[in-house]
Amino acid sequence: MKTVLLTGARGFIGQYFINYYKNKYNIKTFSFLKDNFENLDMKDIEIILHLSALVHQMNGAGLNEYEKVNIMQTLNLARKAKENNVKQFIFMSSIAVYGIEFGVLNENTICNPLTDYGKTKLTAEIELKKLEDNNFKISIVRPPIVNGYNAPGNMKNLIDLVQKMPILPFGNINNKRSMIYVGNLCFFIDIIIQKKVDGIFLVSDEKPLSVTKLIELIGEALGRKVYLVKVPFFKSFLKLVKPSLYKRLYESLEVSNTKTILRLFHKDEVKLPFSVEEGIILMVKGLKK
């Protein structure tokens, strides 16, 4: 049984990985907030799964704080891991490193992050790759929005909105937004560990969803009838007064995981453990599956 040191165990991704893979791996945890880094014992640790981060949903954080958590803590952990002969370091990054708010993303898309979160994640990626050698593999995972039980941020806000409002002005939105269910994300991580592969991995569910379809699925999972209507001028109004919200609701942002699947499975397609529809249902109903 391989021994994995996991950071970010209190987050919903960390909790899922521990609950679902505790019988497959010997999982140890470390918290930068609670534990003493100097006393961190890496004896017998084979893999680091570094999920701990300061993310963009958190309010009030300055650049210095992002640099401390996302760069300095990451590199300190990686250097110590390498010194202690850890074989693989898996870094949870984000598509925020691209800085693109619409279009189709792949491994060849140029990175140009716009936020402190994205900038510090990209810097950490670059510095981590400098530490890599034949005995110390660096694996970087770039997911889009991750949904699942207790997922924070925009997804939780959308569920709350559907619960409160039976009529919403989001009818006939035909965009495409990629996301990934936490169970599928951890599935990819498990394969990366098993195959000891390094490099950059873009991961997503099998297909993107439109915002209209996403809200319909949330309503079905809640057992609520949601009426989605198309309001004249609402789209134009939102684009003018709330351009960031307009982009999330109306523009497409797709993630191509074709190269990742080919590298991990040596074929063009693979059936993930959960369909995108199943992921939304499990997220809404709060099932830890």
C-alpha atoms as a PDB file:
ATOM      1  CA  MET A   1       0.000   0.000   0.000  1.00  0.00           C
ATOM      2  CA  LYS A   2       1.487   3.324  -1.082  1.00  0.00           C
ATOM      3  CA  THR A   3       1.800   6.097   1.491  1.00  0.00           C
ATOM      4  CA  VAL A   4       0.412   9.494   0.471  1.00  0.00           C
ATOM      5  CA  LEU A   5       0.877  12.750   2.353  1.00  0.00           C
ATOM      6  CA  LEU A   6      -2.128  14.970   1.670  1.00  0.00           C
ATOM      7  CA  THR A   7      -2.452  18.683   2.386  1.00  0.00           C
ATOM      8  CA  GLY A   8      -5.801  20.445   2.366  1.00  0.00           C
ATOM      9  CA  ALA A   9      -7.561  17.589   4.130  1.00  0.00           C
ATOM     10  CA  ARG A  10     -10.305  19.897   5.422  1.00  0.00           C
ATOM     11  CA  GLY A  11     -11.339  20.946   1.911  1.00  0.00           C
ATOM     12  CA  PHE A  12     -14.067  19.082   0.081  1.00  0.00           C
ATOM     13  CA  ILE A  13     -11.623  17.563  -2.426  1.00  0.00           C
ATOM     14  CA  GLY A  14      -9.322  16.362   0.349  1.00  0.00           C
ATOM     15  CA  GLN A  15     -12.240  14.954   2.329  1.00  0.00           C
ATOM     16  CA  TYR A  16     -13.490  13.064  -0.710  1.00  0.00           C
ATOM     17  CA  PHE A  17     -10.086  11.599  -1.512  1.00  0.00           C
ATOM     18  CA  ILE A  18      -9.584  10.421   2.080  1.00  0.00           C
ATOM     19  CA  ASN A  19     -13.064   8.916   2.354  1.00  0.00           C
ATOM     20  CA  TYR A  20     -12.979   7.176  -1.000  1.00  0.00           C
ATOM     21  CA  TYR A  21      -9.341   6.010  -1.122  1.00  0.00           C
ATOM     22  CA  LYS A  22      -8.513   5.347   2.529  1.00  0.00           C
ATOM     23  CA  ASN A  23      -8.474   1.589   1.903  1.00  0.00           C
ATOM     24  CA  LYS A  24      -6.282   1.909  -1.189  1.00  0.00           C
ATOM     25  CA  TYR A  25      -3.592   4.206   0.205  1.00  0.00           C
ATOM     26  CA  ASN A  26      -2.020   4.818   3.559  1.00  0.00           C
ATOM     27  CA  ILE A  27      -3.029   8.500   3.777  1.00  0.00           C
ATOM     28  CA  LYS A  28      -1.320  10.899   6.148  1.00  0.00           C
ATOM     29  CA  THR A  29      -2.297  14.555   6.398  1.00  0.00           C
ATOM     30  CA  PHE A  30      -0.520  17.825   7.063  1.00  0.00           C
ATOM     31  CA  SER A  31      -1.981  21.278   7.743  1.00  0.00           C
ATOM     32  CA  PHE A  32       0.049  24.441   7.261  1.00  0.00           C
ATOM     33  CA  LEU A  33      -2.372  26.159   9.653  1.00  0.00           C
ATOM     34  CA  LYS A  34      -2.240  23.647  12.505  1.00  0.00           C
ATOM     35  CA  ASP A  35       0.928  21.593  12.184  1.00  0.00           C
ATOM     36  CA  ASN A  36       4.605  22.509  12.579  1.00  0.00           C
ATOM     37  CA  PHE A  37       6.379  22.301   9.238  1.00  0.00           C
ATOM     38  CA  GLU A  38       9.769  21.790  10.862  1.00  0.00           C
ATOM     39  CA  ASN A  39       8.460  18.670  12.595  1.00  0.00           C
ATOM     40  CA  LEU A  40       6.911  17.206   9.434  1.00  0.00           C
ATOM     41  CA  ASP A  41       8.218  13.643   9.135  1.00  0.00           C
ATOM     42  CA  MET A  42       8.335  12.397   5.561  1.00  0.00           C
ATOM     43  CA  LYS A  43       9.771   8.998   6.352  1.00  0.00           C
ATOM     44  CA  ASP A  44       8.134   6.359   4.140  1.00  0.00           C
ATOM     45  CA  ILE A  45       6.148   8.997   2.209  1.00  0.00           C
ATOM     46  CA  GLU A  46       6.066   8.094  -1.495  1.00  0.00           C
ATOM     47  CA  ILE A  47       3.642  10.678  -2.889  1.00  0.00           C
ATOM     48  CA  ILE A  48       2.665  14.217  -1.934  1.00  0.00           C
ATOM     49  CA  LEU A  49      -0.861  15.285  -2.917  1.00  0.00           C
ATOM     50  CA  HIS A  50      -0.796  19.044  -2.396  1.00  0.00           C
ATOM     51  CA  LEU A  51      -4.361  20.392  -2.359  1.00  0.00           C
ATOM     52  CA  SER A  52      -3.869  23.206   0.146  1.00  0.00           C
ATOM     53  CA  ALA A  53      -4.238  26.659  -1.441  1.00  0.00           C
ATOM     54  CA  LEU A  54      -5.571  30.170  -1.072  1.00  0.00           C
ATOM     55  CA  VAL A  55      -8.279  30.320  -3.702  1.00  0.00           C
ATOM     56  CA  HIS A  56      -9.896  33.186  -5.560  1.00  0.00           C
ATOM     57  CA  GLN A  57     -13.235  32.920  -3.750  1.00  0.00           C
ATOM     58  CA  MET A  58     -11.657  34.039  -0.506  1.00  0.00           C
ATOM     59  CA  ASN A  59     -12.198  37.753   0.141  1.00  0.00           C
ATOM     60  CA  GLY A  60      -9.727  40.251   1.496  1.00  0.00           C
ATOM     61  CA  ALA A  61      -6.477  38.453   0.646  1.00  0.00           C
ATOM     62  CA  GLY A  62      -3.632  40.488  -0.820  1.00  0.00           C
ATOM     63  CA  LEU A  63      -0.920  39.413  -3.224  1.00  0.00           C
ATOM     64  CA  ASN A  64       1.528  38.755  -0.384  1.00  0.00           C
ATOM     65  CA  GLU A  65      -0.859  36.251   1.184  1.00  0.00           C
ATOM     66  CA  TYR A  66      -1.423  34.487  -2.127  1.00  0.00           C
ATOM     67  CA  GLU A  67       2.342  34.279  -2.653  1.00  0.00           C
ATOM     68  CA  LYS A  68       2.902  32.920   0.842  1.00  0.00           C
ATOM     69  CA  VAL A  69       0.331  30.142   0.554  1.00  0.00           C
ATOM     70  CA  ASN A  70       0.353  29.231  -3.129  1.00  0.00           C
ATOM     71  CA  ILE A  71       4.056  29.686  -3.876  1.00  0.00           C
ATOM     72  CA  MET A  72       6.221  29.662  -0.749  1.00  0.00           C
ATOM     73  CA  GLN A  73       4.398  26.897   1.112  1.00  0.00           C
ATOM     74  CA  THR A  74       4.209  24.799  -2.055  1.00  0.00           C
ATOM     75  CA  LEU A  75       7.911  25.116  -2.814  1.00  0.00           C
ATOM     76  CA  ASN A  76       8.973  24.563   0.805  1.00  0.00           C
ATOM     77  CA  LEU A  77       6.933  21.372   0.841  1.00  0.00           C
ATOM     78  CA  ALA A  78       8.333  20.218  -2.511  1.00  0.00           C
ATOM     79  CA  ARG A  79      11.954  20.908  -1.550  1.00  0.00           C
ATOM     80  CA  LYS A  80      11.550  19.006   1.694  1.00  0.00           C
ATOM     81  CA  ALA A  81       9.896  16.154  -0.176  1.00  0.00           C
ATOM     82  CA  LYS A  82      12.750  15.942  -2.639  1.00  0.00           C
ATOM     83  CA  GLU A  83      15.339  16.010   0.160  1.00  0.00           C
ATOM     84  CA  ASN A  84      13.510  13.087   1.790  1.00  0.00           C
ATOM     85  CA  ASN A  85      13.394  11.001  -1.406  1.00  0.00           C
ATOM     86  CA  VAL A  86       9.659  11.361  -2.053  1.00  0.00           C
ATOM     87  CA  LYS A  87       9.068  10.054  -5.564  1.00  0.00           C
ATOM     88  CA  GLN A  88       6.110  12.109  -6.802  1.00  0.00           C
ATOM     89  CA  PHE A  89       4.634  15.539  -6.075  1.00  0.00           C
ATOM     90  CA  ILE A  90       1.087  16.141  -7.332  1.00  0.00           C
ATOM     91  CA  PHE A  91       0.138  19.810  -7.418  1.00  0.00           C
ATOM     92  CA  MET A  92      -3.485  20.903  -7.686  1.00  0.00           C
ATOM     93  CA  SER A  93      -3.410  23.922  -9.963  1.00  0.00           C
ATOM     94  CA  SER A  94      -6.281  25.491 -11.917  1.00  0.00           C
ATOM     95  CA  ILE A  95      -7.374  26.657 -15.359  1.00  0.00           C
ATOM     96  CA  ALA A  96      -7.043  30.136 -13.817  1.00  0.00           C
ATOM     97  CA  VAL A  97      -3.418  29.992 -15.017  1.00  0.00           C
ATOM     98  CA  TYR A  98      -4.703  30.599 -18.554  1.00  0.00           C
ATOM     99  CA  GLY A  99      -6.510  33.822 -17.724  1.00  0.00           C
ATOM    100  CA  ILE A 100      -9.068  33.039 -20.411  1.00  0.00           C
ATOM    101  CA  GLU A 101     -12.749  33.575 -19.658  1.00  0.00           C
ATOM    102  CA  PHE A 102     -14.195  32.049 -22.838  1.00  0.00           C
ATOM    103  CA  GLY A 103     -13.093  29.667 -25.574  1.00  0.00           C
ATOM    104  CA  VAL A 104     -11.567  26.183 -25.584  1.00  0.00           C
ATOM    105  CA  LEU A 105      -8.555  25.337 -23.424  1.00  0.00           C
ATOM    106  CA  ASN A 106      -5.917  22.668 -23.991  1.00  0.00           C
ATOM    107  CA  GLU A 107      -2.322  22.032 -22.979  1.00  0.00           C
ATOM    108  CA  ASN A 108      -1.070  24.270 -25.800  1.00  0.00           C
ATOM    109  CA  THR A 109      -3.118  27.290 -24.756  1.00  0.00           C
ATOM    110  CA  ILE A 110      -0.818  30.132 -23.686  1.00  0.00           C
ATOM    111  CA  CYS A 111      -0.943  30.942 -19.970  1.00  0.00           C
ATOM    112  CA  ASN A 112      -1.698  34.559 -19.131  1.00  0.00           C
ATOM    113  CA  PRO A 113      -3.320  34.627 -15.667  1.00  0.00           C
ATOM    114  CA  LEU A 114      -5.363  37.687 -14.721  1.00  0.00           C
ATOM    115  CA  THR A 115      -5.876  37.168 -10.985  1.00  0.00           C
ATOM    116  CA  ASP A 116      -3.479  36.890  -8.048  1.00  0.00           C
ATOM    117  CA  TYR A 117      -4.751  33.340  -7.589  1.00  0.00           C
ATOM    118  CA  GLY A 118      -3.961  32.377 -11.181  1.00  0.00           C
ATOM    119  CA  LYS A 119      -0.619  34.196 -11.205  1.00  0.00           C
ATOM    120  CA  THR A 120       0.622  32.506  -8.040  1.00  0.00           C
ATOM    121  CA  LYS A 121      -0.556  29.092  -9.209  1.00  0.00           C
ATOM    122  CA  LEU A 122       1.369  29.503 -12.461  1.00  0.00           C
ATOM    123  CA  THR A 123       4.499  30.698 -10.656  1.00  0.00           C
ATOM    124  CA  ALA A 124       4.310  27.665  -8.376  1.00  0.00           C
ATOM    125  CA  GLU A 125       3.999  25.384 -11.435  1.00  0.00           C
ATOM    126  CA  ILE A 126       7.069  26.925 -13.081  1.00  0.00           C
ATOM    127  CA  GLU A 127       9.202  26.713  -9.936  1.00  0.00           C
ATOM    128  CA  LEU A 128       8.086  23.146  -9.216  1.00  0.00           C
ATOM    129  CA  LYS A 129       9.173  21.995 -12.672  1.00  0.00           C
ATOM    130  CA  LYS A 130      12.680  23.280 -11.896  1.00  0.00           C
ATOM    131  CA  LEU A 131      12.883  20.772  -9.033  1.00  0.00           C
ATOM    132  CA  GLU A 132      11.968  17.790 -11.189  1.00  0.00           C
ATOM    133  CA  ASP A 133      14.439  15.064 -12.049  1.00  0.00           C
ATOM    134  CA  ASN A 134      14.362  11.330 -12.773  1.00  0.00           C
ATOM    135  CA  ASN A 135      13.764  10.538  -9.101  1.00  0.00           C
ATOM    136  CA  PHE A 136      11.285  13.319  -8.328  1.00  0.00           C
ATOM    137  CA  LYS A 137       8.244  13.494 -10.578  1.00  0.00           C
ATOM    138  CA  ILE A 138       6.096  16.641 -10.760  1.00  0.00           C
ATOM    139  CA  SER A 139       2.457  16.143 -11.787  1.00  0.00           C
ATOM    140  CA  ILE A 140       0.327  19.258 -12.286  1.00  0.00           C
ATOM    141  CA  VAL A 141      -3.463  18.989 -12.451  1.00  0.00           C
ATOM    142  CA  ARG A 142      -5.484  21.867 -13.927  1.00  0.00           C
ATOM    143  CA  PRO A 143      -9.228  21.432 -13.339  1.00  0.00           C
ATOM    144  CA  PRO A 144     -12.074  23.803 -14.204  1.00  0.00           C
ATOM    145  CA  ILE A 145     -14.718  24.478 -11.533  1.00  0.00           C
ATOM    146  CA  VAL A 146     -14.986  21.426  -9.272  1.00  0.00           C
ATOM    147  CA  ASN A 147     -18.423  20.443  -8.022  1.00  0.00           C
ATOM    148  CA  GLY A 148     -19.321  18.083  -5.232  1.00  0.00           C
ATOM    149  CA  TYR A 149     -20.624  17.846  -1.707  1.00  0.00           C
ATOM    150  CA  ASN A 150     -19.806  21.051   0.215  1.00  0.00           C
ATOM    151  CA  ALA A 151     -18.279  22.704  -2.846  1.00  0.00           C
ATOM    152  CA  PRO A 152     -17.802  26.424  -2.141  1.00  0.00           C
ATOM    153  CA  GLY A 153     -18.136  29.444  -4.381  1.00  0.00           C
ATOM    154  CA  ASN A 154     -20.326  29.963  -7.428  1.00  0.00           C
ATOM    155  CA  MET A 155     -21.862  26.500  -7.473  1.00  0.00           C
ATOM    156  CA  LYS A 156     -23.140  26.814  -3.921  1.00  0.00           C
ATOM    157  CA  ASN A 157     -24.517  30.271  -4.729  1.00  0.00           C
ATOM    158  CA  LEU A 158     -26.349  28.877  -7.747  1.00  0.00           C
ATOM    159  CA  ILE A 159     -27.925  26.085  -5.698  1.00  0.00           C
ATOM    160  CA  ASP A 160     -29.046  28.627  -3.092  1.00  0.00           C
ATOM    161  CA  LEU A 161     -30.570  30.762  -5.858  1.00  0.00           C
ATOM    162  CA  VAL A 162     -32.528  27.842  -7.316  1.00  0.00           C
ATOM    163  CA  GLN A 163     -33.827  26.970  -3.846  1.00  0.00           C
ATOM    164  CA  LYS A 164     -35.114  30.506  -3.281  1.00  0.00           C
ATOM    165  CA  MET A 165     -36.349  31.556  -6.729  1.00  0.00           C
ATOM    166  CA  PRO A 166     -38.847  29.429  -8.697  1.00  0.00           C
ATOM    167  CA  ILE A 167     -38.595  31.751 -11.700  1.00  0.00           C
ATOM    168  CA  LEU A 168     -35.192  32.688 -13.107  1.00  0.00           C
ATOM    169  CA  PRO A 169     -34.220  34.721 -16.199  1.00  0.00           C
ATOM    170  CA  PHE A 170     -31.847  32.098 -17.589  1.00  0.00           C
ATOM    171  CA  GLY A 171     -33.894  30.419 -20.299  1.00  0.00           C
ATOM    172  CA  ASN A 172     -32.409  29.365 -23.653  1.00  0.00           C
ATOM    173  CA  ILE A 173     -28.767  29.897 -22.743  1.00  0.00           C
ATOM    174  CA  ASN A 174     -26.873  27.605 -25.108  1.00  0.00           C
ATOM    175  CA  ASN A 175     -23.303  28.117 -23.938  1.00  0.00           C
ATOM    176  CA  LYS A 176     -20.890  25.347 -22.928  1.00  0.00           C
ATOM    177  CA  ARG A 177     -19.167  25.360 -19.538  1.00  0.00           C
ATOM    178  CA  SER A 178     -16.789  22.603 -18.514  1.00  0.00           C
ATOM    179  CA  MET A 179     -16.640  21.406 -14.937  1.00  0.00           C
ATOM    180  CA  ILE A 180     -15.606  18.283 -13.101  1.00  0.00           C
ATOM    181  CA  TYR A 181     -17.246  16.284 -10.343  1.00  0.00           C
ATOM    182  CA  VAL A 182     -14.950  15.699  -7.382  1.00  0.00           C
ATOM    183  CA  GLY A 183     -15.253  11.928  -7.839  1.00  0.00           C
ATOM    184  CA  ASN A 184     -13.942  12.192 -11.400  1.00  0.00           C
ATOM    185  CA  LEU A 185     -11.151  14.541 -10.321  1.00  0.00           C
ATOM    186  CA  CYS A 186      -9.981  12.067  -7.674  1.00  0.00           C
ATOM    187  CA  PHE A 187     -10.246   9.277 -10.239  1.00  0.00           C
ATOM    188  CA  PHE A 188      -7.742  11.134 -12.437  1.00  0.00           C
ATOM    189  CA  ILE A 189      -5.474  11.727  -9.428  1.00  0.00           C
ATOM    190  CA  ASP A 190      -5.592   8.023  -8.575  1.00  0.00           C
ATOM    191  CA  ILE A 191      -4.542   7.087 -12.116  1.00  0.00           C
ATOM    192  CA  ILE A 192      -1.702   9.639 -12.052  1.00  0.00           C
ATOM    193  CA  ILE A 193      -0.456   8.048  -8.822  1.00  0.00           C
ATOM    194  CA  GLN A 194      -0.788   4.496 -10.079  1.00  0.00           C
ATOM    195  CA  LYS A 195       1.009   5.192 -13.348  1.00  0.00           C
ATOM    196  CA  LYS A 196       3.593   7.552 -11.816  1.00  0.00           C
ATOM    197  CA  VAL A 197       3.210   9.998 -14.685  1.00  0.00           C
ATOM    198  CA  ASP A 198       4.507  13.539 -14.649  1.00  0.00           C
ATOM    199  CA  GLY A 199       3.536  16.609 -16.665  1.00  0.00           C
ATOM    200  CA  ILE A 200       0.480  18.823 -16.974  1.00  0.00           C
ATOM    201  CA  PHE A 201      -3.011  17.323 -16.970  1.00  0.00           C
ATOM    202  CA  LEU A 202      -6.225  19.093 -17.959  1.00  0.00           C
ATOM    203  CA  VAL A 203      -9.180  17.264 -16.477  1.00  0.00           C
ATOM    204  CA  SER A 204     -12.920  17.694 -16.912  1.00  0.00           C
ATOM    205  CA  ASP A 205     -16.162  15.758 -17.063  1.00  0.00           C
ATOM    206  CA  GLU A 206     -17.036  13.996 -20.309  1.00  0.00           C
ATOM    207  CA  LYS A 207     -19.030  16.928 -21.693  1.00  0.00           C
ATOM    208  CA  PRO A 208     -19.746  20.579 -20.870  1.00  0.00           C
ATOM    209  CA  LEU A 209     -23.142  21.894 -19.802  1.00  0.00           C
ATOM    210  CA  SER A 210     -25.069  25.005 -20.682  1.00  0.00           C
ATOM    211  CA  VAL A 211     -26.096  27.217 -17.771  1.00  0.00           C
ATOM    212  CA  THR A 212     -29.746  26.506 -18.606  1.00  0.00           C
ATOM    213  CA  LYS A 213     -29.180  22.730 -18.445  1.00  0.00           C
ATOM    214  CA  LEU A 214     -27.162  23.066 -15.251  1.00  0.00           C
ATOM    215  CA  ILE A 215     -29.984  24.956 -13.511  1.00  0.00           C
ATOM    216  CA  GLU A 216     -32.535  22.422 -14.764  1.00  0.00           C
ATOM    217  CA  LEU A 217     -30.449  19.565 -13.287  1.00  0.00           C
ATOM    218  CA  ILE A 218     -30.098  21.391  -9.973  1.00  0.00           C
ATOM    219  CA  GLY A 219     -33.859  21.914  -9.861  1.00  0.00           C
ATOM    220  CA  GLU A 220     -34.500  18.233 -10.586  1.00  0.00           C
ATOM    221  CA  ALA A 221     -32.090  17.156  -7.861  1.00  0.00           C
ATOM    222  CA  LEU A 222     -33.791  19.498  -5.397  1.00  0.00           C
ATOM    223  CA  GLY A 223     -37.224  18.225  -6.416  1.00  0.00           C
ATOM    224  CA  ARG A 224     -38.231  21.767  -7.348  1.00  0.00           C
ATOM    225  CA  LYS A 225     -39.948  23.016 -10.454  1.00  0.00           C
ATOM    226  CA  VAL A 226     -37.876  25.865 -11.834  1.00  0.00           C
ATOM    227  CA  TYR A 227     -39.240  28.098 -14.556  1.00  0.00           C
ATOM    228  CA  LEU A 228     -36.499  29.483 -16.770  1.00  0.00           C
ATOM    229  CA  VAL A 229     -37.608  32.390 -18.902  1.00  0.00           C
ATOM    230  CA  LYS A 230     -35.865  34.554 -21.462  1.00  0.00           C
ATOM    231  CA  VAL A 231     -36.234  38.178 -20.399  1.00  0.00           C
ATOM    232  CA  PRO A 232     -35.848  40.828 -23.122  1.00  0.00           C
ATOM    233  CA  PHE A 233     -32.756  43.014 -22.677  1.00  0.00           C
ATOM    234  CA  PHE A 234     -31.625  41.119 -19.534  1.00  0.00           C
ATOM    235  CA  LYS A 235     -28.559  39.753 -21.309  1.00  0.00           C
ATOM    236  CA  SER A 236     -27.557  43.191 -22.608  1.00  0.00           C
ATOM    237  CA  PHE A 237     -28.226  44.776 -19.228  1.00  0.00           C
ATOM    238  CA  LEU A 238     -26.098  42.207 -17.413  1.00  0.00           C
ATOM    239  CA  LYS A 239     -23.264  42.611 -19.910  1.00  0.00           C
ATOM    240  CA  LEU A 240     -23.245  46.338 -19.185  1.00  0.00           C
ATOM    241  CA  VAL A 241     -23.546  46.369 -15.391  1.00  0.00           C
ATOM    242  CA  LYS A 242     -22.044  42.993 -14.394  1.00  0.00           C
ATOM    243  CA  PRO A 243     -19.628  41.912 -17.159  1.00  0.00           C
ATOM    244  CA  SER A 244     -17.933  39.221 -15.045  1.00  0.00           C
ATOM    245  CA  LEU A 245     -21.278  37.603 -14.188  1.00  0.00           C
ATOM    246  CA  TYR A 246     -22.364  37.927 -17.805  1.00  0.00           C
ATOM    247  CA  LYS A 247     -19.304  35.964 -18.955  1.00  0.00           C
ATOM    248  CA  ARG A 248     -19.955  33.133 -16.476  1.00  0.00           C
ATOM    249  CA  LEU A 249     -23.612  32.895 -17.454  1.00  0.00           C
ATOM    250  CA  TYR A 250     -23.566  33.407 -21.206  1.00  0.00           C
ATOM    251  CA  GLU A 251     -20.122  32.695 -22.635  1.00  0.00           C
ATOM    252  CA  SER A 252     -18.549  29.280 -23.180  1.00  0.00           C
ATOM    253  CA  LEU A 253     -15.420  27.963 -21.514  1.00  0.00           C
ATOM    254  CA  GLU A 254     -14.539  24.414 -22.504  1.00  0.00           C
ATOM    255  CA  VAL A 255     -11.656  22.267 -21.304  1.00  0.00           C
ATOM    256  CA  SER A 256     -10.261  19.633 -23.639  1.00  0.00           C
ATOM    257  CA  ASN A 257      -9.018  16.602 -21.690  1.00  0.00           C
ATOM    258  CA  THR A 258      -8.223  14.653 -24.891  1.00  0.00           C
ATOM    259  CA  LYS A 259      -4.454  14.755 -24.432  1.00  0.00           C
ATOM    260  CA  THR A 260      -4.698  13.834 -20.748  1.00  0.00           C
ATOM    261  CA  ILE A 261      -6.902  10.821 -21.485  1.00  0.00           C
ATOM    262  CA  LEU A 262      -4.571   9.686 -24.273  1.00  0.00           C
ATOM    263  CA  ARG A 263      -1.541   9.923 -21.963  1.00  0.00           C
ATOM    264  CA  LEU A 264      -3.196   8.184 -19.030  1.00  0.00           C
ATOM    265  CA  PHE A 265      -5.201   5.508 -20.833  1.00  0.00           C
ATOM    266  CA  HIS A 266      -3.572   5.270 -24.290  1.00  0.00           C
ATOM    267  CA  LYS A 267      -6.903   5.665 -26.057  1.00  0.00           C
ATOM    268  CA  ASP A 268      -9.086   8.510 -27.297  1.00  0.00           C
ATOM    269  CA  GLU A 269     -11.996   8.099 -24.891  1.00  0.00           C
ATOM    270  CA  VAL A 270     -12.585   6.632 -21.454  1.00  0.00           C
ATOM    271  CA  LYS A 271     -15.736   6.288 -19.394  1.00  0.00           C
ATOM    272  CA  LEU A 272     -15.394   8.266 -16.182  1.00  0.00           C
ATOM    273  CA  PRO A 273     -16.913   6.927 -12.938  1.00  0.00           C
ATOM    274  CA  PHE A 274     -19.627   9.612 -12.937  1.00  0.00           C
ATOM    275  CA  SER A 275     -21.504  11.290 -15.767  1.00  0.00           C
ATOM    276  CA  VAL A 276     -21.832  15.057 -15.584  1.00  0.00           C
ATOM    277  CA  GLU A 277     -25.516  14.636 -14.722  1.00  0.00           C
ATOM    278  CA  GLU A 278     -24.738  12.185 -11.904  1.00  0.00           C
ATOM    279  CA  GLY A 279     -22.153  14.590 -10.533  1.00  0.00           C
ATOM    280  CA  ILE A 280     -24.661  17.433 -10.324  1.00  0.00           C
ATOM    281  CA  ILE A 281     -27.229  15.220  -8.595  1.00  0.00           C
ATOM    282  CA  LEU A 282     -24.691  13.956  -6.062  1.00  0.00           C
ATOM    283  CA  MET A 283     -23.494  17.495  -5.401  1.00  0.00           C
ATOM    284  CA  VAL A 284     -26.989  18.830  -4.758  1.00  0.00           C
ATOM    285  CA  LYS A 285     -28.165  15.928  -2.660  1.00  0.00           C
ATOM    286  CA  GLY A 286     -24.971  15.958  -0.624  1.00  0.00           C
ATOM    287  CA  LEU A 287     -24.130  12.316  -1.141  1.00  0.00           C
ATOM    288  CA  LYS A 288     -20.514  11.418  -0.386  1.00  0.00           C
ATOM    289  CA  LYS A 289     -20.117   8.856  -3.152  1.00  0.00           C
END
